[in-house]
Amino acid sequence: MYKPSVKTVSALGGRNPIPDKLFYKIGEVSRIADIKPYVLRYWETEFSFLKPRKNKSGQRVYVKKDLELILEIKRLLYQERYTIEGVRKRFGENTAYVKHPAESKAVDTPLQDKILEHVRKRLREILSKIQ
């Protein structure tokens, strides 16, 4: 039997707490987040940062971090009334689709260089603000 944390219960408004497990199947995620499975699959196509692993039989396997991300996306879309594009911007994702590292073993080097340069630039900005 699981014991949800206070943070988890309050984040969900006291309903459908996140069970303390290593992995969740799409049906469990659907039930916990109160979102239909086809919506979760659609979100995977729209948000490159939402990519659950798949097990040997091809079933989606979500981790707690994925579930928390899904709950945040749901909050932004349904409560805050963000658009899909707005959610992408909120999570710092370019509108152009960027390959997720899990999709491909060989990451395109120019793309990787561009991403690294962007991260370095942001880190320099942050560092200058805290100094």
Protein backbone atom coordinates (compact mmCIF):
# COMPACT_ATOMS: atom_id res chain seq x y z
CA MET A 1 0.00 0.00 0.00
CA TYR A 2 1.27 3.48 -0.88
CA LYS A 3 1.27 6.61 1.20
CA PRO A 4 1.06 9.80 -0.89
CA SER A 5 3.06 12.78 0.22
CA VAL A 6 1.31 15.91 1.42
CA LYS A 7 2.79 17.81 -1.54
CA THR A 8 1.35 15.31 -4.00
CA VAL A 9 -2.11 15.38 -2.48
CA SER A 10 -2.24 19.18 -2.35
CA ALA A 11 -0.97 19.50 -5.93
CA LEU A 12 -3.87 17.34 -7.08
CA GLY A 13 -6.45 19.04 -4.94
CA GLY A 14 -6.73 16.02 -2.67
CA ARG A 15 -7.97 13.75 -5.47
CA ASN A 16 -6.23 10.90 -7.25
CA PRO A 17 -2.89 11.08 -5.41
CA ILE A 18 0.18 9.82 -7.23
CA PRO A 19 1.01 6.31 -6.02
CA ASP A 20 4.61 5.84 -4.97
CA LYS A 21 5.75 3.47 -7.73
CA LEU A 22 8.70 3.23 -10.09
CA PHE A 23 6.64 2.91 -13.26
CA TYR A 24 3.11 3.64 -14.42
CA LYS A 25 1.24 2.33 -17.47
CA ILE A 26 -0.80 4.68 -19.63
CA GLY A 27 -4.07 3.51 -18.03
CA GLU A 28 -2.80 4.40 -14.56
CA VAL A 29 -1.56 7.79 -15.74
CA SER A 30 -4.89 8.39 -17.44
CA ARG A 31 -6.80 7.57 -14.26
CA ILE A 32 -4.53 9.60 -11.94
CA ALA A 33 -4.43 12.67 -14.19
CA ASP A 34 -8.06 12.28 -15.31
CA ILE A 35 -7.01 12.51 -18.95
CA LYS A 36 -7.99 10.08 -21.71
CA PRO A 37 -5.15 7.91 -23.06
CA TYR A 38 -5.58 9.28 -26.58
CA VAL A 39 -4.95 12.80 -25.22
CA LEU A 40 -1.72 11.61 -23.58
CA ARG A 41 -0.61 10.06 -26.87
CA TYR A 42 -1.48 13.30 -28.69
CA TRP A 43 0.52 15.35 -26.19
CA GLU A 44 3.54 13.16 -26.94
CA THR A 45 3.33 14.30 -30.57
CA GLU A 46 3.03 17.96 -29.57
CA PHE A 47 5.59 18.16 -26.78
CA SER A 48 9.01 16.70 -27.56
CA PHE A 49 9.90 16.87 -23.86
CA LEU A 50 7.13 14.36 -23.05
CA LYS A 51 8.52 11.03 -24.20
CA PRO A 52 7.78 8.09 -21.92
CA ARG A 53 9.89 5.00 -22.40
CA LYS A 54 8.43 1.87 -23.91
CA ASN A 55 8.87 -1.60 -22.48
CA LYS A 56 9.79 -4.70 -24.47
CA SER A 57 6.18 -5.21 -25.55
CA GLY A 58 5.91 -1.59 -26.75
CA GLN A 59 3.72 -0.30 -23.91
CA ARG A 60 4.37 3.19 -22.65
CA VAL A 61 6.06 3.24 -19.26
CA TYR A 62 5.86 6.52 -17.39
CA VAL A 63 7.95 7.53 -14.38
CA LYS A 64 6.86 9.91 -11.62
CA LYS A 65 8.58 12.84 -13.32
CA ASP A 66 6.55 12.19 -16.50
CA LEU A 67 3.37 12.09 -14.46
CA GLU A 68 4.18 15.37 -12.72
CA LEU A 69 4.93 16.92 -16.11
CA ILE A 70 1.58 15.71 -17.45
CA LEU A 71 -0.22 17.23 -14.46
CA GLU A 72 1.55 20.55 -15.08
CA ILE A 73 0.67 20.49 -18.79
CA LYS A 74 -2.94 19.74 -17.87
CA ARG A 75 -2.99 22.64 -15.39
CA LEU A 76 -1.55 25.05 -17.95
CA LEU A 77 -3.93 23.97 -20.71
CA TYR A 78 -7.17 23.58 -18.76
CA GLN A 79 -6.87 25.94 -15.80
CA GLU A 80 -4.49 28.66 -17.01
CA ARG A 81 -5.97 28.42 -20.55
CA TYR A 82 -2.60 28.24 -22.33
CA THR A 83 -2.46 27.11 -25.94
CA ILE A 84 -0.29 24.18 -27.02
CA GLU A 85 2.17 26.74 -28.36
CA GLY A 86 2.07 28.61 -25.05
CA VAL A 87 2.91 25.45 -23.12
CA ARG A 88 5.84 24.80 -25.44
CA LYS A 89 7.15 28.31 -24.80
CA ARG A 90 6.58 27.97 -21.06
CA PHE A 91 8.80 24.88 -21.04
CA GLY A 92 11.42 26.62 -23.19
CA GLU A 93 10.90 24.46 -26.23
CA ASN A 94 11.34 25.93 -29.68
CA THR A 95 8.28 25.72 -31.89
CA ALA A 96 10.29 23.72 -34.40
CA TYR A 97 10.42 20.07 -33.48
CA VAL A 98 13.70 19.04 -31.88
CA LYS A 99 14.59 15.36 -31.69
CA HIS A 100 14.46 13.88 -28.24
CA PRO A 101 17.68 12.02 -27.34
CA ALA A 102 15.70 8.81 -26.79
CA GLU A 103 14.45 8.91 -30.39
CA SER A 104 17.83 8.63 -31.97
CA LYS A 105 21.15 7.23 -30.87
CA ALA A 106 23.09 9.61 -33.11
CA VAL A 107 22.18 13.22 -32.36
CA ASP A 108 22.69 15.64 -35.22
CA THR A 109 25.98 17.42 -34.40
CA PRO A 110 24.98 20.92 -35.65
CA LEU A 111 21.77 20.70 -33.64
CA GLN A 112 23.66 19.49 -30.59
CA ASP A 113 26.13 22.38 -30.96
CA LYS A 114 23.27 24.86 -31.23
CA ILE A 115 21.59 23.48 -28.11
CA LEU A 116 24.86 23.51 -26.14
CA GLU A 117 25.57 27.09 -27.17
CA HIS A 118 22.10 28.16 -26.06
CA VAL A 119 22.57 26.44 -22.69
CA ARG A 120 25.99 28.06 -22.23
CA LYS A 121 24.54 31.48 -23.05
CA ARG A 122 21.70 31.06 -20.53
CA LEU A 123 24.10 29.83 -17.85
CA ARG A 124 26.34 32.87 -18.40
CA GLU A 125 23.29 35.15 -18.05
CA ILE A 126 22.24 33.44 -14.84
CA LEU A 127 25.77 33.55 -13.45
CA SER A 128 26.08 37.27 -14.18
CA LYS A 129 22.81 37.93 -12.32
CA ILE A 130 23.86 36.09 -9.18
CA GLN A 131 27.35 37.58 -8.94
